[in-house]
Amino acid sequence: MGTQELDGQTLPVAPVLLAELGNSPAKKTVCIYGHYDVQPASKSDGWDTDPFKLVEKDGKLYGRGSTDDKGPIVATLLAIEFMQELKIDIPVNLKASFYYI
């Protein structure tokens, strides 16, 4: 995706997933948006664990950032897949944009 300037640094632009399903002029178009990141990711912001790292505390497992907005993205994709498998017509055109901040 290229690079961006931020606070005097050149940083890579995070990956973006763009998708389209359907292009019928007879159907309305719905845009689905989601991000799959962890905010804030710094321990200095008050967190006591690193993001995306599974940690055991008192016999329980914690995975900070393991689902941040990923659940709705996966649910949307599974719903579309389910409708397609059952040969149910999706009543709208879909455009999707999922990105990592």
C-alpha atoms as a PDB file:
ATOM      1  CA  MET A   1       0.000   0.000   0.000  1.00  0.00           C
ATOM      2  CA  GLY A   2       2.997   2.313   0.213  1.00  0.00           C
ATOM      3  CA  THR A   3       4.296   4.523   2.999  1.00  0.00           C
ATOM      4  CA  GLN A   4       3.142   7.483   5.061  1.00  0.00           C
ATOM      5  CA  GLU A   5       4.881  10.266   6.956  1.00  0.00           C
ATOM      6  CA  LEU A   6       4.062  10.421  10.661  1.00  0.00           C
ATOM      7  CA  ASP A   7       5.893  12.478  13.283  1.00  0.00           C
ATOM      8  CA  GLY A   8       8.938  12.796  11.029  1.00  0.00           C
ATOM      9  CA  GLN A   9       9.108   9.052  10.310  1.00  0.00           C
ATOM     10  CA  THR A  10       8.348   7.171   7.121  1.00  0.00           C
ATOM     11  CA  LEU A  11       6.139   4.214   8.014  1.00  0.00           C
ATOM     12  CA  PRO A  12       4.611   1.464   5.882  1.00  0.00           C
ATOM     13  CA  VAL A  13       0.869   1.726   5.335  1.00  0.00           C
ATOM     14  CA  ALA A  14      -0.882  -1.243   6.925  1.00  0.00           C
ATOM     15  CA  PRO A  15      -2.505  -3.915   4.737  1.00  0.00           C
ATOM     16  CA  VAL A  16      -6.060  -3.330   3.533  1.00  0.00           C
ATOM     17  CA  LEU A  17      -8.506  -5.961   2.330  1.00  0.00           C
ATOM     18  CA  LEU A  18     -11.003  -4.705  -0.244  1.00  0.00           C
ATOM     19  CA  ALA A  19     -13.795  -6.939  -1.516  1.00  0.00           C
ATOM     20  CA  GLU A  20     -16.879  -6.734  -3.726  1.00  0.00           C
ATOM     21  CA  LEU A  21     -19.735  -9.167  -4.146  1.00  0.00           C
ATOM     22  CA  GLY A  22     -22.393  -8.424  -6.733  1.00  0.00           C
ATOM     23  CA  ASN A  23     -22.843  -5.473  -9.057  1.00  0.00           C
ATOM     24  CA  SER A  24     -26.536  -5.523  -9.915  1.00  0.00           C
ATOM     25  CA  PRO A  25     -27.924  -2.063 -10.707  1.00  0.00           C
ATOM     26  CA  ALA A  26     -31.293  -3.347  -9.419  1.00  0.00           C
ATOM     27  CA  LYS A  27     -29.889  -3.855  -5.889  1.00  0.00           C
ATOM     28  CA  LYS A  28     -28.792  -1.355  -3.302  1.00  0.00           C
ATOM     29  CA  THR A  29     -25.124  -1.492  -2.272  1.00  0.00           C
ATOM     30  CA  VAL A  30     -24.016  -1.959   1.328  1.00  0.00           C
ATOM     31  CA  CYS A  31     -20.525  -1.102   2.533  1.00  0.00           C
ATOM     32  CA  ILE A  32     -19.067  -3.209   5.332  1.00  0.00           C
ATOM     33  CA  TYR A  33     -16.191  -1.695   7.270  1.00  0.00           C
ATOM     34  CA  GLY A  34     -14.007  -3.170   9.961  1.00  0.00           C
ATOM     35  CA  HIS A  35     -10.588  -2.945  11.534  1.00  0.00           C
ATOM     36  CA  TYR A  36      -8.521  -5.738  13.015  1.00  0.00           C
ATOM     37  CA  ASP A  37      -6.106  -4.116  15.403  1.00  0.00           C
ATOM     38  CA  VAL A  38      -5.480  -3.471  19.074  1.00  0.00           C
ATOM     39  CA  GLN A  39      -5.713   0.043  20.479  1.00  0.00           C
ATOM     40  CA  PRO A  40      -3.784   1.170  22.470  1.00  0.00           C
ATOM     41  CA  ALA A  41      -1.011  -1.379  22.117  1.00  0.00           C
ATOM     42  CA  SER A  42       1.572   0.127  24.438  1.00  0.00           C
ATOM     43  CA  LYS A  43       2.134  -1.063  28.005  1.00  0.00           C
ATOM     44  CA  SER A  44       2.853   2.560  28.904  1.00  0.00           C
ATOM     45  CA  ASP A  45      -0.842   3.262  28.248  1.00  0.00           C
ATOM     46  CA  GLY A  46      -1.750   1.154  31.290  1.00  0.00           C
ATOM     47  CA  TRP A  47      -1.832  -2.385  29.961  1.00  0.00           C
ATOM     48  CA  ASP A  48      -0.022  -5.109  31.883  1.00  0.00           C
ATOM     49  CA  THR A  49       0.331  -7.542  28.954  1.00  0.00           C
ATOM     50  CA  ASP A  50       1.546  -7.319  25.381  1.00  0.00           C
ATOM     51  CA  PRO A  51      -1.026  -7.379  22.561  1.00  0.00           C
ATOM     52  CA  PHE A  52      -1.558 -10.652  20.658  1.00  0.00           C
ATOM     53  CA  LYS A  53       0.395 -12.627  23.293  1.00  0.00           C
ATOM     54  CA  LEU A  54      -1.466 -15.346  25.203  1.00  0.00           C
ATOM     55  CA  VAL A  55      -0.879 -14.940  28.948  1.00  0.00           C
ATOM     56  CA  GLU A  56      -1.908 -17.243  31.811  1.00  0.00           C
ATOM     57  CA  LYS A  57      -2.993 -15.585  35.084  1.00  0.00           C
ATOM     58  CA  ASP A  58      -4.519 -17.496  37.972  1.00  0.00           C
ATOM     59  CA  GLY A  59      -5.354 -20.450  35.751  1.00  0.00           C
ATOM     60  CA  LYS A  60      -7.116 -18.298  33.146  1.00  0.00           C
ATOM     61  CA  LEU A  61      -5.895 -17.452  29.647  1.00  0.00           C
ATOM     62  CA  TYR A  62      -5.926 -13.862  28.364  1.00  0.00           C
ATOM     63  CA  GLY A  63      -5.239 -12.836  24.770  1.00  0.00           C
ATOM     64  CA  ARG A  64      -5.387  -9.045  24.564  1.00  0.00           C
ATOM     65  CA  GLY A  65      -6.250  -8.050  21.031  1.00  0.00           C
ATOM     66  CA  SER A  66      -7.133 -11.553  19.932  1.00  0.00           C
ATOM     67  CA  THR A  67     -10.658 -10.509  18.926  1.00  0.00           C
ATOM     68  CA  ASP A  68     -10.647  -6.698  18.572  1.00  0.00           C
ATOM     69  CA  ASP A  69     -13.228  -6.284  15.803  1.00  0.00           C
ATOM     70  CA  LYS A  70     -12.157  -9.581  14.282  1.00  0.00           C
ATOM     71  CA  GLY A  71     -15.342 -11.284  15.506  1.00  0.00           C
ATOM     72  CA  PRO A  72     -17.701  -9.068  13.488  1.00  0.00           C
ATOM     73  CA  ILE A  73     -15.482  -9.431  10.408  1.00  0.00           C
ATOM     74  CA  VAL A  74     -15.481 -13.229  10.672  1.00  0.00           C
ATOM     75  CA  ALA A  75     -19.235 -13.312  11.406  1.00  0.00           C
ATOM     76  CA  THR A  76     -19.933 -11.228   8.289  1.00  0.00           C
ATOM     77  CA  LEU A  77     -17.795 -13.459   6.083  1.00  0.00           C
ATOM     78  CA  LEU A  78     -19.337 -16.639   7.530  1.00  0.00           C
ATOM     79  CA  ALA A  79     -22.878 -15.282   6.993  1.00  0.00           C
ATOM     80  CA  ILE A  80     -22.069 -14.595   3.333  1.00  0.00           C
ATOM     81  CA  GLU A  81     -20.520 -18.060   2.943  1.00  0.00           C
ATOM     82  CA  PHE A  82     -23.572 -19.663   4.609  1.00  0.00           C
ATOM     83  CA  MET A  83     -25.998 -17.876   2.279  1.00  0.00           C
ATOM     84  CA  GLN A  84     -23.959 -18.898  -0.752  1.00  0.00           C
ATOM     85  CA  GLU A  85     -23.823 -22.555   0.350  1.00  0.00           C
ATOM     86  CA  LEU A  86     -27.618 -22.579   0.798  1.00  0.00           C
ATOM     87  CA  LYS A  87     -28.019 -20.834  -2.570  1.00  0.00           C
ATOM     88  CA  ILE A  88     -29.829 -17.912  -0.915  1.00  0.00           C
ATOM     89  CA  ASP A  89     -29.683 -14.775  -3.031  1.00  0.00           C
ATOM     90  CA  ILE A  90     -27.942 -11.978  -1.184  1.00  0.00           C
ATOM     91  CA  PRO A  91     -30.413  -9.095  -1.578  1.00  0.00           C
ATOM     92  CA  VAL A  92     -27.764  -6.366  -1.879  1.00  0.00           C
ATOM     93  CA  ASN A  93     -24.431  -5.727  -3.532  1.00  0.00           C
ATOM     94  CA  LEU A  94     -21.630  -5.784  -0.970  1.00  0.00           C
ATOM     95  CA  LYS A  95     -18.437  -3.769  -0.760  1.00  0.00           C
ATOM     96  CA  ALA A  96     -16.077  -4.393   2.131  1.00  0.00           C
ATOM     97  CA  SER A  97     -13.049  -2.665   3.543  1.00  0.00           C
ATOM     98  CA  PHE A  98     -11.095  -4.269   6.381  1.00  0.00           C
ATOM     99  CA  TYR A  99      -7.862  -2.750   7.570  1.00  0.00           C
ATOM    100  CA  TYR A 100      -5.281  -2.790  10.323  1.00  0.00           C
ATOM    101  CA  ILE A 101      -4.658   0.492  12.123  1.00  0.00           C
END
